[in-house]
N, C-alpha and C. Protein backbone atom coordinates (compact mmCIF):
# COMPACT_ATOMS: atom_id res chain seq x y z
N UNK A 1 -5.44 -14.51 -13.95
CA UNK A 1 -4.42 -15.37 -13.40
C UNK A 1 -3.61 -14.57 -12.39
N UNK A 2 -3.74 -14.87 -11.13
CA UNK A 2 -3.03 -14.14 -10.09
C UNK A 2 -2.29 -15.10 -9.19
N UNK A 3 -1.18 -15.62 -9.67
CA UNK A 3 -0.41 -16.52 -8.83
C UNK A 3 0.72 -15.77 -8.13
N UNK A 4 0.68 -14.46 -8.14
CA UNK A 4 1.66 -13.66 -7.41
C UNK A 4 1.26 -13.61 -5.94
N UNK A 5 2.29 -13.61 -5.09
CA UNK A 5 2.05 -13.56 -3.65
C UNK A 5 3.06 -12.65 -2.99
N UNK A 6 2.65 -12.09 -1.86
CA UNK A 6 3.56 -11.33 -1.02
C UNK A 6 3.30 -11.76 0.41
N UNK A 7 4.38 -12.00 1.13
CA UNK A 7 4.23 -12.43 2.52
C UNK A 7 5.37 -11.84 3.34
N UNK A 8 5.16 -11.80 4.63
CA UNK A 8 6.20 -11.31 5.54
C UNK A 8 7.09 -12.46 5.97
N UNK A 9 8.35 -12.16 6.18
CA UNK A 9 9.25 -13.10 6.85
C UNK A 9 10.04 -12.30 7.88
N UNK A 10 11.01 -12.90 8.52
CA UNK A 10 11.71 -12.23 9.61
C UNK A 10 12.48 -10.99 9.16
N UNK A 11 12.85 -10.92 7.88
CA UNK A 11 13.63 -9.77 7.41
C UNK A 11 12.84 -8.73 6.67
N UNK A 12 11.60 -9.02 6.36
CA UNK A 12 10.80 -8.07 5.59
C UNK A 12 9.72 -8.75 4.79
N UNK A 13 9.81 -8.64 3.47
CA UNK A 13 8.78 -9.18 2.58
C UNK A 13 9.40 -10.13 1.56
N UNK A 14 8.62 -11.11 1.15
CA UNK A 14 9.01 -12.03 0.09
C UNK A 14 7.95 -11.94 -0.99
N UNK A 15 8.38 -11.66 -2.22
CA UNK A 15 7.48 -11.56 -3.36
C UNK A 15 7.74 -12.76 -4.25
N UNK A 16 6.67 -13.43 -4.65
CA UNK A 16 6.82 -14.56 -5.57
C UNK A 16 5.79 -14.46 -6.68
N UNK A 17 6.16 -14.99 -7.83
CA UNK A 17 5.27 -14.95 -8.98
C UNK A 17 5.43 -13.67 -9.77
N UNK A 18 4.65 -13.54 -10.84
CA UNK A 18 4.78 -12.37 -11.71
C UNK A 18 4.23 -11.09 -11.08
N UNK A 19 4.94 -10.01 -11.32
CA UNK A 19 4.47 -8.68 -10.90
C UNK A 19 4.07 -7.95 -12.18
N UNK A 20 2.82 -8.10 -12.54
CA UNK A 20 2.32 -7.57 -13.81
C UNK A 20 1.02 -6.81 -13.58
N UNK A 21 0.57 -6.17 -14.63
CA UNK A 21 -0.70 -5.45 -14.58
C UNK A 21 -1.82 -6.34 -14.06
N UNK A 22 -1.78 -7.62 -14.41
CA UNK A 22 -2.84 -8.55 -14.01
C UNK A 22 -2.74 -8.98 -12.55
N UNK A 23 -1.59 -8.78 -11.90
CA UNK A 23 -1.43 -9.32 -10.55
C UNK A 23 -1.24 -8.28 -9.45
N UNK A 24 -0.72 -7.10 -9.78
CA UNK A 24 -0.35 -6.18 -8.71
C UNK A 24 -1.53 -5.62 -7.93
N UNK A 25 -2.67 -5.48 -8.56
CA UNK A 25 -3.84 -4.96 -7.83
C UNK A 25 -4.18 -5.88 -6.67
N UNK A 26 -4.07 -7.18 -6.88
CA UNK A 26 -4.35 -8.13 -5.82
C UNK A 26 -3.31 -8.11 -4.72
N UNK A 27 -2.09 -7.72 -5.04
CA UNK A 27 -1.02 -7.66 -4.04
C UNK A 27 -1.06 -6.39 -3.22
N UNK A 28 -1.61 -5.34 -3.77
CA UNK A 28 -1.58 -4.03 -3.12
C UNK A 28 -2.23 -4.04 -1.74
N UNK A 29 -3.42 -4.58 -1.61
CA UNK A 29 -4.10 -4.61 -0.31
C UNK A 29 -3.33 -5.46 0.69
N UNK A 30 -2.82 -6.57 0.23
CA UNK A 30 -2.04 -7.46 1.12
C UNK A 30 -0.77 -6.75 1.58
N UNK A 31 -0.10 -6.07 0.67
CA UNK A 31 1.13 -5.36 1.02
C UNK A 31 0.85 -4.26 2.03
N UNK A 32 -0.26 -3.57 1.86
CA UNK A 32 -0.63 -2.51 2.80
C UNK A 32 -0.79 -3.07 4.21
N UNK A 33 -1.40 -4.23 4.31
CA UNK A 33 -1.58 -4.86 5.61
C UNK A 33 -0.28 -5.33 6.24
N UNK A 34 0.67 -5.74 5.41
CA UNK A 34 1.95 -6.22 5.92
C UNK A 34 2.90 -5.09 6.30
N UNK A 35 2.68 -3.91 5.76
CA UNK A 35 3.60 -2.79 5.96
C UNK A 35 3.80 -2.45 7.44
N UNK A 36 2.76 -2.56 8.21
CA UNK A 36 2.86 -2.23 9.64
C UNK A 36 3.75 -3.20 10.40
N UNK A 37 3.97 -4.38 9.85
CA UNK A 37 4.78 -5.40 10.52
C UNK A 37 6.26 -5.32 10.17
N UNK A 38 6.62 -4.46 9.24
CA UNK A 38 8.00 -4.42 8.77
C UNK A 38 8.94 -3.86 9.83
N UNK A 39 10.16 -4.42 9.90
CA UNK A 39 11.18 -3.82 10.77
C UNK A 39 11.64 -2.48 10.18
N UNK A 40 12.39 -1.73 10.95
CA UNK A 40 12.85 -0.42 10.50
C UNK A 40 13.66 -0.51 9.21
N UNK A 41 14.50 -1.51 9.11
CA UNK A 41 15.30 -1.76 7.90
C UNK A 41 14.86 -3.12 7.36
N UNK A 42 14.09 -3.11 6.29
CA UNK A 42 13.49 -4.34 5.78
C UNK A 42 14.03 -4.67 4.39
N UNK A 43 13.95 -5.94 4.07
CA UNK A 43 14.38 -6.45 2.77
C UNK A 43 13.15 -6.92 2.02
N UNK A 44 13.09 -6.61 0.72
CA UNK A 44 12.07 -7.17 -0.15
C UNK A 44 12.79 -8.20 -1.01
N UNK A 45 12.53 -9.46 -0.72
CA UNK A 45 13.19 -10.56 -1.42
C UNK A 45 12.48 -10.80 -2.74
N UNK A 46 13.20 -10.58 -3.84
CA UNK A 46 12.63 -10.74 -5.18
C UNK A 46 13.15 -12.01 -5.86
N UNK A 47 13.80 -12.89 -5.12
CA UNK A 47 14.40 -14.09 -5.72
C UNK A 47 13.36 -14.97 -6.40
N UNK A 48 12.14 -14.97 -5.91
CA UNK A 48 11.10 -15.83 -6.47
C UNK A 48 10.13 -15.07 -7.38
N UNK A 49 10.45 -13.80 -7.62
CA UNK A 49 9.58 -13.00 -8.50
C UNK A 49 9.73 -13.49 -9.93
N UNK A 50 8.63 -13.52 -10.62
CA UNK A 50 8.65 -13.91 -12.02
C UNK A 50 8.78 -12.68 -12.90
N UNK A 51 8.03 -12.69 -13.97
CA UNK A 51 8.03 -11.57 -14.92
C UNK A 51 7.60 -10.28 -14.22
N UNK A 52 8.29 -9.19 -14.53
CA UNK A 52 7.95 -7.89 -13.96
C UNK A 52 7.75 -6.92 -15.12
N UNK A 53 6.55 -6.32 -15.19
CA UNK A 53 6.29 -5.31 -16.21
C UNK A 53 6.24 -3.93 -15.54
N UNK A 54 5.81 -2.92 -16.28
CA UNK A 54 5.80 -1.56 -15.74
C UNK A 54 4.88 -1.43 -14.53
N UNK A 55 3.80 -2.19 -14.48
CA UNK A 55 2.92 -2.17 -13.30
C UNK A 55 3.65 -2.75 -12.09
N UNK A 56 4.47 -3.76 -12.32
CA UNK A 56 5.27 -4.34 -11.25
C UNK A 56 6.29 -3.35 -10.72
N UNK A 57 6.91 -2.60 -11.62
CA UNK A 57 7.86 -1.57 -11.20
C UNK A 57 7.13 -0.52 -10.36
N UNK A 58 5.96 -0.10 -10.80
CA UNK A 58 5.17 0.87 -10.03
C UNK A 58 4.84 0.33 -8.64
N UNK A 59 4.52 -0.95 -8.56
CA UNK A 59 4.22 -1.59 -7.27
C UNK A 59 5.44 -1.52 -6.35
N UNK A 60 6.62 -1.80 -6.87
CA UNK A 60 7.84 -1.73 -6.05
C UNK A 60 8.10 -0.31 -5.58
N UNK A 61 7.85 0.67 -6.44
CA UNK A 61 8.03 2.07 -6.05
C UNK A 61 7.03 2.45 -4.95
N UNK A 62 5.81 1.96 -5.06
CA UNK A 62 4.80 2.21 -4.02
C UNK A 62 5.26 1.63 -2.69
N UNK A 63 5.79 0.40 -2.72
CA UNK A 63 6.30 -0.20 -1.48
C UNK A 63 7.40 0.67 -0.88
N UNK A 64 8.33 1.10 -1.73
CA UNK A 64 9.45 1.93 -1.28
C UNK A 64 8.95 3.24 -0.68
N UNK A 65 8.04 3.90 -1.39
CA UNK A 65 7.52 5.20 -0.93
C UNK A 65 6.76 5.05 0.39
N UNK A 66 5.93 4.03 0.47
CA UNK A 66 5.16 3.81 1.69
C UNK A 66 6.09 3.55 2.88
N UNK A 67 7.13 2.78 2.67
CA UNK A 67 8.09 2.51 3.74
C UNK A 67 8.77 3.80 4.20
N UNK A 68 9.19 4.62 3.26
CA UNK A 68 9.83 5.90 3.60
C UNK A 68 8.89 6.80 4.40
N UNK A 69 7.62 6.82 4.01
CA UNK A 69 6.64 7.64 4.73
C UNK A 69 6.48 7.18 6.17
N UNK A 70 6.75 5.90 6.42
CA UNK A 70 6.63 5.34 7.77
C UNK A 70 7.97 5.31 8.50
N UNK A 71 8.99 5.94 7.91
CA UNK A 71 10.30 5.99 8.55
C UNK A 71 11.10 4.71 8.42
N UNK A 72 10.75 3.88 7.46
CA UNK A 72 11.46 2.61 7.26
C UNK A 72 12.26 2.68 5.97
N UNK A 73 13.24 1.79 5.87
CA UNK A 73 13.98 1.66 4.62
C UNK A 73 13.74 0.27 4.06
N UNK A 74 13.70 0.20 2.74
CA UNK A 74 13.54 -1.08 2.04
C UNK A 74 14.74 -1.32 1.15
N UNK A 75 15.19 -2.55 1.13
CA UNK A 75 16.24 -2.99 0.22
C UNK A 75 15.62 -4.05 -0.67
N UNK A 76 15.71 -3.86 -1.97
CA UNK A 76 15.18 -4.82 -2.94
C UNK A 76 16.33 -5.69 -3.43
N UNK A 77 16.26 -6.99 -3.15
CA UNK A 77 17.31 -7.90 -3.61
C UNK A 77 16.83 -9.34 -3.58
N UNK A 78 17.37 -10.16 -4.41
CA UNK A 78 18.21 -9.82 -5.55
C UNK A 78 17.36 -9.19 -6.65
N UNK A 79 17.97 -8.37 -7.46
CA UNK A 79 17.25 -7.73 -8.56
C UNK A 79 17.22 -8.67 -9.76
N UNK A 80 16.04 -9.08 -10.19
CA UNK A 80 15.96 -9.93 -11.39
C UNK A 80 16.52 -9.18 -12.60
N UNK A 81 17.24 -9.88 -13.45
CA UNK A 81 17.85 -9.25 -14.63
C UNK A 81 16.81 -8.55 -15.50
N UNK A 82 15.62 -9.10 -15.62
CA UNK A 82 14.59 -8.49 -16.44
C UNK A 82 14.08 -7.17 -15.89
N UNK A 83 14.37 -6.89 -14.63
CA UNK A 83 13.93 -5.64 -14.01
C UNK A 83 14.84 -4.47 -14.38
N UNK A 84 16.10 -4.73 -14.57
CA UNK A 84 17.07 -3.66 -14.81
C UNK A 84 16.73 -2.77 -16.01
N UNK A 85 16.35 -3.33 -17.17
CA UNK A 85 16.00 -2.45 -18.30
C UNK A 85 14.82 -1.53 -18.00
N UNK A 86 13.85 -2.01 -17.25
CA UNK A 86 12.71 -1.15 -16.90
C UNK A 86 13.14 -0.04 -15.95
N UNK A 87 14.01 -0.37 -15.01
CA UNK A 87 14.50 0.66 -14.09
C UNK A 87 15.26 1.74 -14.84
N UNK A 88 16.04 1.32 -15.83
CA UNK A 88 16.77 2.30 -16.65
C UNK A 88 15.79 3.14 -17.46
N UNK A 89 14.81 2.49 -18.08
CA UNK A 89 13.83 3.19 -18.91
C UNK A 89 13.09 4.27 -18.13
N UNK A 90 12.68 3.94 -16.92
CA UNK A 90 11.90 4.88 -16.10
C UNK A 90 12.76 5.71 -15.15
N UNK A 91 14.08 5.60 -15.29
CA UNK A 91 15.02 6.36 -14.47
C UNK A 91 14.77 6.13 -12.97
N UNK A 92 14.60 4.87 -12.62
CA UNK A 92 14.32 4.50 -11.23
C UNK A 92 15.46 3.70 -10.60
N UNK A 93 16.58 3.61 -11.28
CA UNK A 93 17.70 2.85 -10.74
C UNK A 93 18.13 3.40 -9.39
N UNK A 94 18.09 4.72 -9.23
CA UNK A 94 18.55 5.31 -7.98
C UNK A 94 17.69 4.88 -6.80
N UNK A 95 16.43 4.62 -7.03
CA UNK A 95 15.55 4.19 -5.94
C UNK A 95 15.76 2.72 -5.63
N UNK A 96 15.66 1.88 -6.63
CA UNK A 96 15.66 0.44 -6.41
C UNK A 96 17.07 -0.11 -6.23
N UNK A 97 17.99 0.19 -7.14
CA UNK A 97 19.32 -0.40 -7.03
C UNK A 97 20.15 0.25 -5.94
N UNK A 98 19.99 1.55 -5.71
CA UNK A 98 20.75 2.18 -4.64
C UNK A 98 20.34 1.65 -3.28
N UNK A 99 19.11 1.19 -3.15
CA UNK A 99 18.69 0.62 -1.87
C UNK A 99 19.51 -0.62 -1.57
N UNK A 100 19.82 -1.41 -2.58
CA UNK A 100 20.64 -2.61 -2.39
C UNK A 100 22.08 -2.22 -2.06
N UNK A 101 22.61 -1.20 -2.72
CA UNK A 101 23.97 -0.77 -2.46
C UNK A 101 24.12 -0.24 -1.04
N UNK A 102 23.12 0.49 -0.56
CA UNK A 102 23.18 1.03 0.80
C UNK A 102 23.16 -0.07 1.85
N UNK A 103 22.55 -1.20 1.53
CA UNK A 103 22.49 -2.28 2.52
C UNK A 103 23.85 -2.93 2.70
N UNK A 104 24.72 -2.83 1.69
CA UNK A 104 26.04 -3.43 1.75
C UNK A 104 27.02 -2.49 2.42
N UNK A 105 26.79 -1.20 2.25
CA UNK A 105 27.72 -0.18 2.78
C UNK A 105 27.72 -0.14 4.29
């Protein structure tokens, strides 16, 4: 079951559906293709994201790392409430949540 999608919009990327072990492999190739189209400061819209498990967190970190390697910044927002405990567990709050704070500053 892979009803997760990633697409580009004018501000960056929009993720919809679950980001789970069963879905992220299918999103990875698509995300790689979209990365070249991102603006220098891009937003990853998670408003339509469904359930996010540890594979989904890894996918978000890959997006963030790839953007940094290309000289781009990513802001993940809004952060789904179910994502916060995983970010705390894996000590990734500084990567994902700080990106949102920097966009406001």
